[in-house]
Amino acid sequence: MRAKQANRVGALALAAVLAVMGSACVTTTGGGGGGGAGQMDLGPTLSVERFLNAANTRDLDAMMRLFGTAEGPIGDTGSTFGCAFKRMGSWVGLGDRCQSRQAVELRMDAIARIIRHQDYRIGGEERVAGRKSPTTQVTVDLDLGSRRVDSVPFVVVQAGRGNWLIQEIALQRLTS
């Protein structure tokens, strides 16, 4: 009987620790005039807006959290052990190779330099058909100082935890 009580107390303590740890993992950032919005609450347009703001301030960590695929953010490069399995899977066509944090950071820095803007306007959202995960294209008009580029498509995909991640940006429209 005493062992059952100890197990029950231990299970409750573990549940309490996991609840606290889980709530600590949600990133909350302040938004416009309202309260903060957790990253998991971001819709496609808000994810694009946050990404554009992060790019302008060259907040590469925020960009890495907002860019990725349905499997998760590009900034989740995984542990060494996890990357070893990804690499082996990529050799036989079962997955993508792991990227080092440095490679991901350089990629985000290049994107930040290309999409650096003075102002932007969201043109609209449109669902992308034929994808496994919910995917939306958000068009953005960017003022790049001396020129304006209209209707730049940002493809945004919903990841497993419900957050929306930028998967593709038509950078060629900005560099031509």
Protein backbone atom coordinates (compact mmCIF):
# COMPACT_ATOMS: atom_id res chain seq x y z
CA MET A 1 0.00 0.00 0.00
CA ARG A 2 2.79 2.38 0.94
CA ALA A 3 4.57 1.64 -2.37
CA LYS A 4 1.39 2.52 -4.31
CA GLN A 5 1.17 5.90 -2.54
CA ALA A 6 4.84 6.59 -3.25
CA ASN A 7 4.32 5.71 -6.92
CA ARG A 8 1.25 7.95 -7.09
CA VAL A 9 3.13 10.86 -5.48
CA GLY A 10 6.07 10.29 -7.84
CA ALA A 11 3.75 10.25 -10.86
CA LEU A 12 2.07 13.48 -9.74
CA ALA A 13 5.44 15.15 -9.22
CA LEU A 14 6.60 14.03 -12.66
CA ALA A 15 3.38 15.33 -14.23
CA ALA A 16 3.84 18.70 -12.53
CA VAL A 17 7.46 18.97 -13.75
CA LEU A 18 6.44 18.06 -17.32
CA ALA A 19 3.62 20.62 -17.26
CA VAL A 20 6.01 23.37 -16.15
CA MET A 21 8.61 22.33 -18.74
CA GLY A 22 5.99 22.21 -21.50
CA SER A 23 4.74 25.70 -20.73
CA ALA A 24 8.30 27.02 -20.66
CA CYS A 25 8.85 25.82 -24.26
CA VAL A 26 6.21 28.11 -25.77
CA THR A 27 7.75 31.28 -27.16
CA THR A 28 5.64 34.34 -26.49
CA THR A 29 6.31 37.58 -28.28
CA GLY A 30 4.46 40.85 -28.06
CA GLY A 31 2.36 41.92 -31.00
CA GLY A 32 0.58 45.06 -32.20
CA GLY A 33 -1.88 46.54 -29.73
CA GLY A 34 -3.08 43.29 -28.17
CA GLY A 35 -1.50 40.77 -25.90
CA GLY A 36 1.30 38.45 -26.90
CA ALA A 37 0.73 35.50 -29.18
CA GLY A 38 2.47 32.17 -28.66
CA GLN A 39 4.36 30.90 -31.69
CA MET A 40 1.95 27.97 -31.95
CA ASP A 41 -0.92 30.45 -32.45
CA LEU A 42 0.62 32.06 -35.53
CA GLY A 43 -1.35 31.91 -38.76
CA PRO A 44 0.28 32.05 -42.21
CA THR A 45 0.13 35.84 -42.57
CA LEU A 46 1.39 36.55 -39.05
CA SER A 47 4.27 34.10 -39.59
CA VAL A 48 5.26 35.98 -42.75
CA GLU A 49 5.05 39.33 -40.93
CA ARG A 50 7.21 38.04 -38.07
CA PHE A 51 9.71 36.60 -40.56
CA LEU A 52 9.94 39.90 -42.44
CA ASN A 53 10.49 41.82 -39.19
CA ALA A 54 13.14 39.31 -38.06
CA ALA A 55 14.86 39.61 -41.45
CA ASN A 56 15.01 43.41 -41.19
CA THR A 57 16.66 43.22 -37.77
CA ARG A 58 18.77 40.20 -38.86
CA ASP A 59 17.38 38.17 -35.97
CA LEU A 60 18.64 34.91 -37.44
CA ASP A 61 17.41 32.80 -34.51
CA ALA A 62 13.84 34.04 -34.99
CA MET A 63 14.13 33.45 -38.74
CA MET A 64 15.30 29.87 -38.11
CA ARG A 65 12.25 29.27 -35.90
CA LEU A 66 9.89 30.63 -38.58
CA PHE A 67 11.38 28.92 -41.66
CA GLY A 68 11.05 25.20 -42.33
CA THR A 69 8.87 22.36 -43.57
CA ALA A 70 5.90 20.40 -42.26
CA GLU A 71 8.45 18.39 -40.25
CA GLY A 72 9.50 21.49 -38.28
CA PRO A 73 11.70 24.59 -38.23
CA ILE A 74 14.99 24.61 -40.13
CA GLY A 75 16.65 25.73 -36.91
CA ASP A 76 15.95 22.31 -35.36
CA THR A 77 19.15 20.82 -36.72
CA GLY A 78 18.87 17.93 -34.28
CA SER A 79 21.40 16.25 -32.08
CA THR A 80 24.53 14.61 -33.45
CA PHE A 81 22.92 11.20 -32.98
CA GLY A 82 19.70 12.29 -34.73
CA CYS A 83 21.68 13.83 -37.59
CA ALA A 84 23.59 10.57 -38.06
CA PHE A 85 20.29 8.77 -38.72
CA LYS A 86 19.11 11.55 -41.05
CA ARG A 87 22.37 11.33 -43.03
CA MET A 88 22.08 7.55 -43.36
CA GLY A 89 18.46 7.95 -44.48
CA SER A 90 19.45 10.56 -47.06
CA TRP A 91 21.95 8.12 -48.59
CA VAL A 92 19.11 5.77 -49.50
CA GLY A 93 16.58 8.47 -50.36
CA LEU A 94 14.61 8.32 -47.10
CA GLY A 95 15.13 11.84 -45.88
CA ASP A 96 17.04 15.08 -46.02
CA ARG A 97 20.58 15.57 -44.81
CA CYS A 98 21.05 17.43 -41.55
CA GLN A 99 22.38 20.93 -41.90
CA SER A 100 24.78 22.39 -39.39
CA ARG A 101 23.67 25.42 -37.41
CA GLN A 102 26.33 27.46 -39.24
CA ALA A 103 24.93 26.45 -42.65
CA VAL A 104 21.38 27.33 -41.58
CA GLU A 105 22.54 30.64 -40.11
CA LEU A 106 24.35 31.55 -43.34
CA ARG A 107 21.25 30.69 -45.36
CA MET A 108 19.04 32.88 -43.14
CA ASP A 109 21.57 35.72 -43.32
CA ALA A 110 21.53 35.56 -47.13
CA ILE A 111 17.72 35.64 -47.16
CA ALA A 112 17.70 38.56 -44.69
CA ARG A 113 20.01 40.56 -46.96
CA ILE A 114 17.83 39.89 -50.01
CA ILE A 115 14.46 40.73 -48.40
CA ARG A 116 15.65 43.74 -46.37
CA HIS A 117 12.92 46.29 -46.93
CA GLN A 118 11.66 49.72 -45.91
CA ASP A 119 8.02 48.68 -45.87
CA TYR A 120 5.73 45.82 -46.86
CA ARG A 121 2.07 45.18 -47.52
CA ILE A 122 0.37 41.81 -47.35
CA GLY A 123 -1.51 41.24 -50.59
CA GLY A 124 -3.52 38.19 -49.60
CA GLU A 125 -3.63 34.51 -48.70
CA GLU A 126 -4.54 31.58 -50.91
CA ARG A 127 -4.56 27.89 -50.04
CA VAL A 128 -2.13 25.77 -52.07
CA ALA A 129 -3.76 22.62 -53.45
CA GLY A 130 -2.18 19.19 -53.62
CA ARG A 131 0.04 19.33 -50.54
CA LYS A 132 0.19 16.71 -47.77
CA SER A 133 0.14 19.38 -45.04
CA PRO A 134 -2.04 22.50 -45.02
CA THR A 135 -0.18 25.06 -47.12
CA THR A 136 -0.95 28.69 -47.89
CA GLN A 137 0.65 31.17 -50.27
CA VAL A 138 0.87 34.69 -48.88
CA THR A 139 1.73 37.43 -51.37
CA VAL A 140 3.69 40.43 -50.17
CA ASP A 141 4.49 43.77 -51.79
CA LEU A 142 7.98 44.88 -50.69
CA ASP A 143 9.45 48.38 -50.82
CA LEU A 144 13.19 47.82 -51.23
CA GLY A 145 14.29 51.43 -51.09
CA SER A 146 14.70 52.52 -54.70
CA ARG A 147 12.27 49.96 -56.07
CA ARG A 148 9.06 48.17 -55.22
CA VAL A 149 8.41 44.50 -55.93
CA ASP A 150 4.76 43.46 -55.97
CA SER A 151 3.24 40.07 -55.22
CA VAL A 152 6.25 38.19 -53.89
CA PRO A 153 4.94 34.72 -52.99
CA PHE A 154 5.77 33.22 -49.60
CA VAL A 155 4.68 29.58 -49.31
CA VAL A 156 3.78 28.82 -45.70
CA VAL A 157 3.18 25.28 -44.41
CA GLN A 158 1.56 24.11 -41.20
CA ALA A 159 3.97 22.04 -39.11
CA GLY A 160 3.11 19.20 -36.78
CA ARG A 161 2.54 21.33 -33.67
CA GLY A 162 0.16 23.65 -35.49
CA ASN A 163 2.62 26.48 -36.12
CA TRP A 164 3.04 27.92 -39.62
CA LEU A 165 6.51 28.00 -41.18
CA ILE A 166 7.78 29.78 -44.28
CA GLN A 167 8.84 27.00 -46.64
CA GLU A 168 9.58 28.93 -49.84
CA ILE A 169 10.17 32.54 -50.84
CA ALA A 170 10.38 33.59 -54.49
CA LEU A 171 13.75 35.28 -54.00
CA GLN A 172 14.39 35.36 -57.75
CA ARG A 173 11.69 38.05 -58.01
CA LEU A 174 13.76 40.21 -55.68
CA THR A 175 17.15 39.58 -57.24
CA SER A 176 16.27 40.05 -60.93
